[in-house]
Amino acid sequence: MTNEPRTSYRDSGVDIDAKMGAILSSRQAIESTWGPGVVGSFGGFGGLFKMPSGLDDPILCSSADGVGTKIHVAIQIGRHDTVGQCLTNHCVNDILVQGAKPLFLLDYIAVGKMDKSVIQQVISGFAKACRESGCALIGGETAEMPGTYKAGDYDLAATIVGVVERKHLLPRPGVAPGDVLIGLRSSGLHTNGYSLARKVLFDVAKFGPHDRPAELGGVTVADALLAVHRSYAGLLHPMLPSGRIKAMAHITGGGFPDNVPRVLPEGVHAVIDAASWEVPAIFQLIRDRGNVDPAECYRVMNMGMGMVLVTSPADADRVLAELAAAGETGMRKIGRLEAGARGCSVRFPI
């Protein structure tokens, strides 16, 4: 032993007590998402979940994602309760398009310096969206990483696991030329295109997060950008057993050209009619203030349509009627499938 000062983990920037305090303070929110499928208790090394009963041939469906640079807007204005909701709903939608219902979610939060209030807000968002989706938040990781992240910075990721009966897997056989594409409105940018949006709105147009451009009708830039990523699960799951929806595409990174072809067979090409819906104000603002090429907009952002359904021409009006009966107001026919190379084209008014 020497008389030299001792060095601790806290001296290096990591406070284990702060981390454990932040996690324990969120225990009630986490356990509020637990249903009968959760096995075990809070704080285990792994989350345990039993397979639901009554399934004939269950298939597990999983997905992992992050919230992207939307998180910088949350940090910029100190509002952290929405990004966890956004990420959960994004993951729920990603497995929804294969017909799966969520079972549980694992979150990952990495920070530069542990802040109990921020962690509580983020986890409250995860828990809120999980409760709404019937999804258990059963585990994850919270890591303090000085040197990798600056104090005040953090990042999020999540992994979701769901289940679907093999006979109900999407896309269904029979997706073919002539089928109709139905779009469902988005709540905003969802969780994609934020690097472009921030570049245009903050660097080019010089807006502050609390500015209220006339184009947004009194809404602040931050409120428009932090609109929660919409979940389509509650609307669409009840409609899937009929078989009238052949396939679905979640419009995330890559927009229409990269996401719609993921559910198409070879020899089928999707054509999106850009004139078939009015683009919401936030997308118009980004496009116009940034002088962004229209093709770039539809490749980067959802432009107001966050989910695309594929249905036969004979079933399209029935599906629209069922959506309306369920309270949906932002749906419409936005295109069709044609014979051609597997892909997706967006056609603009001449």
Protein backbone atom coordinates (compact mmCIF):
# COMPACT_ATOMS: atom_id res chain seq x y z
CA MET A 1 0.00 0.00 0.00
CA THR A 2 1.15 3.56 -0.71
CA ASN A 3 0.04 6.98 0.41
CA GLU A 4 -0.81 8.05 -3.13
CA PRO A 5 -4.45 9.03 -3.82
CA ARG A 6 -6.70 6.17 -4.90
CA THR A 7 -8.48 6.27 -8.25
CA SER A 8 -12.11 5.19 -8.41
CA TYR A 9 -14.55 4.33 -11.19
CA ARG A 10 -16.36 7.59 -10.39
CA ASP A 11 -13.12 9.49 -11.01
CA SER A 12 -13.15 8.11 -14.56
CA GLY A 13 -16.66 9.46 -15.10
CA VAL A 14 -18.82 6.42 -14.30
CA ASP A 15 -21.15 6.59 -11.29
CA ILE A 16 -22.57 3.13 -10.53
CA ASP A 17 -24.77 4.46 -7.74
CA ALA A 18 -26.34 7.03 -10.07
CA LYS A 19 -27.01 4.32 -12.66
CA MET A 20 -28.65 1.95 -10.19
CA GLY A 21 -30.68 4.80 -8.72
CA ALA A 22 -31.96 5.79 -12.16
CA ILE A 23 -32.96 2.23 -12.99
CA LEU A 24 -34.66 1.58 -9.64
CA SER A 25 -36.58 4.85 -9.91
CA SER A 26 -38.12 3.52 -13.14
CA ARG A 27 -39.10 0.13 -11.71
CA GLN A 28 -42.79 1.01 -11.37
CA ALA A 29 -42.99 2.23 -14.99
CA ILE A 30 -41.25 -0.91 -16.23
CA GLU A 31 -43.38 -3.34 -14.23
CA SER A 32 -46.54 -1.53 -15.40
CA THR A 33 -45.94 -3.12 -18.82
CA TRP A 34 -45.82 -6.68 -17.49
CA GLY A 35 -48.62 -9.10 -18.21
CA PRO A 36 -49.07 -12.81 -17.50
CA GLY A 37 -46.36 -13.76 -20.00
CA VAL A 38 -43.56 -12.31 -17.88
CA VAL A 39 -41.72 -14.84 -15.72
CA GLY A 40 -39.46 -13.90 -12.82
CA SER A 41 -38.87 -10.61 -11.05
CA PHE A 42 -37.27 -7.23 -11.62
CA GLY A 43 -33.48 -7.12 -11.85
CA GLY A 44 -32.61 -10.51 -13.32
CA PHE A 45 -29.70 -11.03 -15.69
CA GLY A 46 -32.14 -11.96 -18.45
CA GLY A 47 -35.80 -11.27 -19.10
CA LEU A 48 -38.00 -14.35 -19.08
CA PHE A 49 -41.19 -14.69 -21.12
CA LYS A 50 -43.38 -17.71 -21.73
CA MET A 51 -44.83 -18.46 -25.16
CA PRO A 52 -48.56 -17.60 -25.37
CA SER A 53 -50.87 -20.60 -25.32
CA GLY A 54 -53.40 -21.49 -27.99
CA LEU A 55 -51.07 -21.15 -30.96
CA ASP A 56 -50.83 -23.97 -33.50
CA ASP A 57 -47.59 -23.14 -35.27
CA PRO A 58 -46.05 -20.01 -33.72
CA ILE A 59 -43.18 -18.17 -35.39
CA LEU A 60 -41.09 -15.68 -33.44
CA CYS A 61 -40.44 -12.39 -35.21
CA SER A 62 -37.75 -9.98 -34.03
CA SER A 63 -36.39 -6.57 -34.98
CA ALA A 64 -33.90 -4.04 -33.65
CA ASP A 65 -33.64 -0.33 -34.32
CA GLY A 66 -32.61 3.07 -33.03
CA VAL A 67 -34.32 6.43 -32.88
CA GLY A 68 -31.79 8.23 -35.10
CA THR A 69 -30.89 11.89 -34.84
CA LYS A 70 -34.40 12.77 -33.67
CA ILE A 71 -32.74 12.36 -30.30
CA HIS A 72 -30.76 15.57 -30.87
CA VAL A 73 -33.98 17.58 -31.01
CA ALA A 74 -35.07 16.02 -27.71
CA ILE A 75 -31.72 16.91 -26.15
CA GLN A 76 -31.81 20.40 -27.63
CA ILE A 77 -35.05 21.31 -25.84
CA GLY A 78 -34.77 18.99 -22.84
CA ARG A 79 -37.86 16.90 -23.61
CA HIS A 80 -37.13 13.21 -23.29
CA ASP A 81 -40.49 11.48 -22.79
CA THR A 82 -41.35 10.98 -26.47
CA VAL A 83 -38.28 9.32 -28.00
CA GLY A 84 -38.85 6.05 -26.13
CA GLN A 85 -42.41 5.99 -27.45
CA CYS A 86 -41.14 6.62 -30.96
CA LEU A 87 -38.63 3.79 -30.83
CA THR A 88 -41.11 1.32 -29.35
CA ASN A 89 -43.75 2.13 -31.97
CA HIS A 90 -41.17 1.90 -34.74
CA CYS A 91 -40.25 -1.61 -33.61
CA VAL A 92 -43.90 -2.62 -33.19
CA ASN A 93 -44.62 -1.50 -36.77
CA ASP A 94 -41.62 -3.36 -38.14
CA ILE A 95 -42.92 -6.71 -36.92
CA LEU A 96 -46.54 -5.78 -37.63
CA VAL A 97 -45.81 -5.83 -41.36
CA GLN A 98 -45.02 -9.54 -41.02
CA GLY A 99 -48.26 -10.11 -39.12
CA ALA A 100 -46.64 -10.40 -35.69
CA LYS A 101 -47.93 -9.15 -32.35
CA PRO A 102 -45.32 -7.91 -29.88
CA LEU A 103 -44.41 -9.99 -26.84
CA PHE A 104 -41.56 -8.05 -25.24
CA LEU A 105 -39.04 -5.25 -25.77
CA LEU A 106 -35.44 -4.83 -24.60
CA ASP A 107 -34.07 -1.30 -24.46
CA TYR A 108 -30.52 0.06 -24.57
CA ILE A 109 -29.67 3.53 -23.26
CA ALA A 110 -26.12 4.88 -23.53
CA VAL A 111 -25.24 8.20 -21.87
CA GLY A 112 -22.25 10.45 -21.43
CA LYS A 113 -23.16 11.24 -17.82
CA MET A 114 -25.94 9.61 -15.82
CA ASP A 115 -28.91 11.92 -15.27
CA LYS A 116 -31.72 10.32 -13.28
CA SER A 117 -34.39 12.67 -14.61
CA VAL A 118 -33.49 12.01 -18.26
CA ILE A 119 -33.42 8.23 -17.76
CA GLN A 120 -36.79 8.33 -16.00
CA GLN A 121 -38.35 10.33 -18.85
CA VAL A 122 -36.93 8.04 -21.53
CA ILE A 123 -38.05 4.87 -19.77
CA SER A 124 -41.49 6.38 -19.10
CA GLY A 125 -41.83 6.77 -22.88
CA PHE A 126 -40.80 3.17 -23.51
CA ALA A 127 -43.28 2.00 -20.86
CA LYS A 128 -46.17 4.11 -22.16
CA ALA A 129 -45.84 2.78 -25.69
CA CYS A 130 -45.33 -0.78 -24.45
CA ARG A 131 -48.53 -0.61 -22.40
CA GLU A 132 -50.45 0.71 -25.40
CA SER A 133 -49.13 -2.13 -27.58
CA GLY A 134 -49.53 -4.93 -25.04
CA CYS A 135 -45.76 -5.38 -25.03
CA ALA A 136 -43.70 -6.13 -21.90
CA LEU A 137 -40.57 -4.09 -21.20
CA ILE A 138 -38.62 -6.91 -19.59
CA GLY A 139 -34.98 -5.89 -19.72
CA GLY A 140 -32.21 -3.91 -21.30
CA GLU A 141 -29.03 -2.03 -20.54
CA THR A 142 -28.20 1.45 -19.29
CA ALA A 143 -24.57 2.35 -19.87
CA GLU A 144 -22.58 5.40 -18.80
CA MET A 145 -19.83 5.93 -21.39
CA PRO A 146 -17.75 9.09 -20.82
CA GLY A 147 -15.45 9.75 -23.74
CA THR A 148 -17.82 8.05 -26.16
CA TYR A 149 -20.68 10.46 -25.44
CA LYS A 150 -20.46 14.01 -24.10
CA ALA A 151 -22.25 14.95 -20.89
CA GLY A 152 -25.87 15.59 -21.85
CA ASP A 153 -25.74 13.30 -24.88
CA TYR A 154 -27.34 9.87 -25.05
CA ASP A 155 -28.45 7.28 -27.57
CA LEU A 156 -31.20 4.68 -27.71
CA ALA A 157 -31.72 1.30 -29.30
CA ALA A 158 -34.31 -1.42 -28.79
CA THR A 159 -34.96 -5.03 -29.73
CA ILE A 160 -38.48 -6.37 -30.00
CA VAL A 161 -39.71 -9.96 -30.15
CA GLY A 162 -43.21 -10.87 -31.31
CA VAL A 163 -45.12 -13.92 -32.47
CA VAL A 164 -47.26 -14.81 -35.47
CA GLU A 165 -49.03 -17.99 -36.56
CA ARG A 166 -47.27 -19.39 -39.61
CA LYS A 167 -50.55 -19.36 -41.60
CA HIS A 168 -50.94 -15.62 -40.94
CA LEU A 169 -47.41 -14.59 -41.98
CA LEU A 170 -47.15 -11.55 -44.25
CA PRO A 171 -46.65 -10.95 -47.09
CA ARG A 172 -49.20 -13.51 -48.25
CA PRO A 173 -48.84 -15.41 -51.52
CA GLY A 174 -50.53 -13.77 -54.47
CA VAL A 175 -49.10 -10.23 -54.41
CA ALA A 176 -49.34 -9.42 -58.11
CA PRO A 177 -49.63 -6.75 -60.80
CA GLY A 178 -52.97 -4.98 -60.57
CA ASP A 179 -53.02 -4.90 -56.77
CA VAL A 180 -53.86 -1.60 -55.11
CA LEU A 181 -51.64 0.35 -52.71
CA ILE A 182 -53.37 2.06 -49.79
CA GLY A 183 -51.48 4.59 -47.69
CA LEU A 184 -52.10 5.37 -44.02
CA ARG A 185 -51.22 8.80 -42.70
CA SER A 186 -48.14 9.33 -40.57
CA SER A 187 -47.93 11.56 -37.51
CA GLY A 188 -44.89 13.36 -38.89
CA LEU A 189 -41.35 12.36 -39.78
CA HIS A 190 -41.64 9.36 -37.42
CA THR A 191 -37.98 8.37 -36.84
CA ASN A 192 -36.37 8.99 -40.23
CA GLY A 193 -34.95 11.91 -42.16
CA TYR A 194 -33.90 13.93 -39.13
CA SER A 195 -30.38 14.67 -40.29
CA LEU A 196 -31.87 16.29 -43.40
CA ALA A 197 -34.62 18.02 -41.40
CA ARG A 198 -32.19 19.45 -38.85
CA LYS A 199 -29.80 20.57 -41.58
CA VAL A 200 -32.55 22.43 -43.44
CA LEU A 201 -34.52 23.87 -40.54
CA PHE A 202 -31.72 24.80 -38.17
CA ASP A 203 -28.71 25.40 -40.43
CA VAL A 204 -30.23 26.61 -43.71
CA ALA A 205 -33.49 28.27 -42.63
CA LYS A 206 -31.99 29.34 -39.27
CA PHE A 207 -35.08 28.46 -37.25
CA GLY A 208 -34.81 27.96 -33.52
CA PRO A 209 -36.60 24.97 -31.98
CA HIS A 210 -39.25 27.23 -30.43
CA ASP A 211 -39.91 29.26 -33.58
CA ARG A 212 -43.39 29.03 -35.11
CA PRO A 213 -43.08 29.29 -38.91
CA ALA A 214 -46.27 30.43 -40.59
CA GLU A 215 -46.19 27.24 -42.67
CA LEU A 216 -46.70 25.15 -39.53
CA GLY A 217 -49.83 27.01 -38.47
CA GLY A 218 -48.63 28.03 -35.03
CA VAL A 219 -46.85 24.78 -34.13
CA THR A 220 -43.26 25.12 -33.00
CA VAL A 221 -40.48 23.52 -35.02
CA ALA A 222 -39.61 21.28 -32.04
CA ASP A 223 -43.21 20.12 -31.57
CA ALA A 224 -43.49 19.24 -35.26
CA LEU A 225 -40.21 17.31 -35.18
CA LEU A 226 -40.92 15.50 -31.92
CA ALA A 227 -44.38 14.24 -32.90
CA VAL A 228 -44.53 10.64 -31.68
CA HIS A 229 -43.97 7.93 -34.28
CA ARG A 230 -47.39 6.44 -34.88
CA SER A 231 -48.17 2.79 -34.11
CA TYR A 232 -50.50 1.10 -36.60
CA ALA A 233 -50.86 -2.13 -34.63
CA GLY A 234 -54.16 -1.38 -32.90
CA LEU A 235 -55.74 -0.36 -36.17
CA LEU A 236 -54.45 -3.16 -38.39
CA HIS A 237 -54.17 -6.33 -36.30
CA PRO A 238 -57.97 -6.82 -36.14
CA MET A 239 -58.11 -6.60 -39.95
CA LEU A 240 -55.43 -9.17 -40.74
CA PRO A 241 -57.35 -12.45 -40.20
CA SER A 242 -59.67 -11.66 -43.14
CA GLY A 243 -56.76 -12.04 -45.55
CA ARG A 244 -57.78 -8.96 -47.52
CA ILE A 245 -54.49 -7.25 -46.69
CA LYS A 246 -51.87 -9.17 -48.68
CA ALA A 247 -48.80 -7.24 -47.55
CA MET A 248 -47.70 -4.12 -45.70
CA ALA A 249 -44.64 -1.89 -45.87
CA HIS A 250 -43.52 0.36 -43.02
CA ILE A 251 -42.11 3.54 -44.58
CA THR A 252 -38.93 4.14 -42.63
CA GLY A 253 -35.34 4.82 -43.69
CA GLY A 254 -35.15 4.61 -47.47
CA GLY A 255 -38.66 5.97 -47.94
CA PHE A 256 -40.89 4.45 -50.59
CA PRO A 257 -38.23 3.26 -53.09
CA ASP A 258 -36.41 1.09 -50.53
CA ASN A 259 -39.23 -0.14 -48.29
CA VAL A 260 -42.12 -1.07 -50.58
CA PRO A 261 -40.04 -3.52 -52.69
CA ARG A 262 -39.19 -5.49 -49.53
CA VAL A 263 -42.67 -7.07 -49.62
CA LEU A 264 -42.89 -7.60 -53.39
CA PRO A 265 -42.08 -10.76 -55.35
CA GLU A 266 -39.82 -10.74 -58.38
CA GLY A 267 -41.47 -9.34 -61.50
CA VAL A 268 -43.68 -6.87 -59.59
CA HIS A 269 -43.06 -3.11 -59.53
CA ALA A 270 -44.84 -0.59 -57.29
CA VAL A 271 -45.88 2.81 -58.63
CA ILE A 272 -46.64 5.55 -56.10
CA ASP A 273 -48.74 8.52 -57.26
CA ALA A 274 -47.30 11.51 -55.40
CA ALA A 275 -50.37 13.60 -56.32
CA SER A 276 -52.77 11.25 -54.54
CA TRP A 277 -52.38 12.93 -51.14
CA GLU A 278 -51.58 16.35 -49.73
CA VAL A 279 -48.13 16.42 -48.19
CA PRO A 280 -48.24 17.67 -44.56
CA ALA A 281 -46.79 21.07 -43.74
CA ILE A 282 -43.61 19.88 -42.00
CA PHE A 283 -42.50 18.01 -45.13
CA GLN A 284 -43.38 20.95 -47.38
CA LEU A 285 -41.35 23.23 -45.12
CA ILE A 286 -38.28 21.00 -45.31
CA ARG A 287 -38.64 20.54 -49.07
CA ASP A 288 -39.13 24.24 -49.83
CA ARG A 289 -36.66 25.83 -47.39
CA GLY A 290 -33.97 23.32 -48.31
CA ASN A 291 -34.72 23.25 -52.05
CA VAL A 292 -34.70 19.46 -51.70
CA ASP A 293 -35.28 17.46 -54.86
CA PRO A 294 -38.72 15.78 -54.75
CA ALA A 295 -37.23 12.37 -55.48
CA GLU A 296 -34.86 12.84 -52.55
CA CYS A 297 -37.79 13.72 -50.26
CA TYR A 298 -39.63 10.47 -51.04
CA ARG A 299 -36.42 8.47 -50.64
CA VAL A 300 -35.57 9.99 -47.25
CA MET A 301 -38.95 10.70 -45.61
CA ASN A 302 -42.44 9.20 -45.48
CA MET A 303 -43.98 12.46 -46.79
CA GLY A 304 -47.13 11.92 -44.74
CA MET A 305 -47.78 8.22 -45.41
CA GLY A 306 -46.19 5.97 -42.81
CA MET A 307 -47.67 2.61 -43.81
CA VAL A 308 -48.56 1.10 -47.18
CA LEU A 309 -51.06 -1.75 -47.55
CA VAL A 310 -51.31 -4.07 -50.56
CA THR A 311 -54.73 -5.42 -51.44
CA SER A 312 -56.48 -6.80 -54.50
CA PRO A 313 -58.61 -4.42 -56.61
CA ALA A 314 -61.71 -6.35 -55.53
CA ASP A 315 -60.90 -5.85 -51.84
CA ALA A 316 -59.55 -2.30 -51.87
CA ASP A 317 -62.84 -0.48 -51.23
CA ARG A 318 -63.78 -2.99 -48.52
CA VAL A 319 -60.46 -2.38 -46.78
CA LEU A 320 -60.95 1.38 -46.99
CA ALA A 321 -64.43 1.00 -45.50
CA GLU A 322 -63.08 -1.13 -42.65
CA LEU A 323 -60.40 1.46 -41.94
CA ALA A 324 -63.02 4.22 -41.87
CA ALA A 325 -65.24 2.15 -39.55
CA ALA A 326 -62.25 1.82 -37.20
CA GLY A 327 -61.91 5.60 -37.07
CA GLU A 328 -59.09 6.08 -39.57
CA THR A 329 -59.36 9.31 -41.56
CA GLY A 330 -56.00 9.64 -43.32
CA MET A 331 -56.11 6.68 -45.69
CA ARG A 332 -56.38 6.65 -49.47
CA LYS A 333 -55.34 4.78 -52.59
CA ILE A 334 -51.84 5.97 -53.42
CA GLY A 335 -50.73 3.67 -56.21
CA ARG A 336 -50.71 0.22 -57.77
CA LEU A 337 -48.55 -2.74 -58.65
CA GLU A 338 -47.43 -3.32 -62.23
CA ALA A 339 -45.45 -5.97 -64.05
CA GLY A 340 -41.77 -5.07 -64.17
CA ALA A 341 -38.49 -5.24 -62.32
CA ARG A 342 -38.95 -5.60 -58.57
CA GLY A 343 -38.81 -2.08 -57.22
CA CYS A 344 -40.78 1.09 -56.56
CA SER A 345 -41.14 4.32 -58.51
CA VAL A 346 -42.67 7.58 -57.35
CA ARG A 347 -44.43 9.48 -60.11
CA PHE A 348 -44.90 13.22 -59.83
CA PRO A 349 -47.40 15.52 -61.57
CA ILE A 350 -46.11 16.87 -64.85
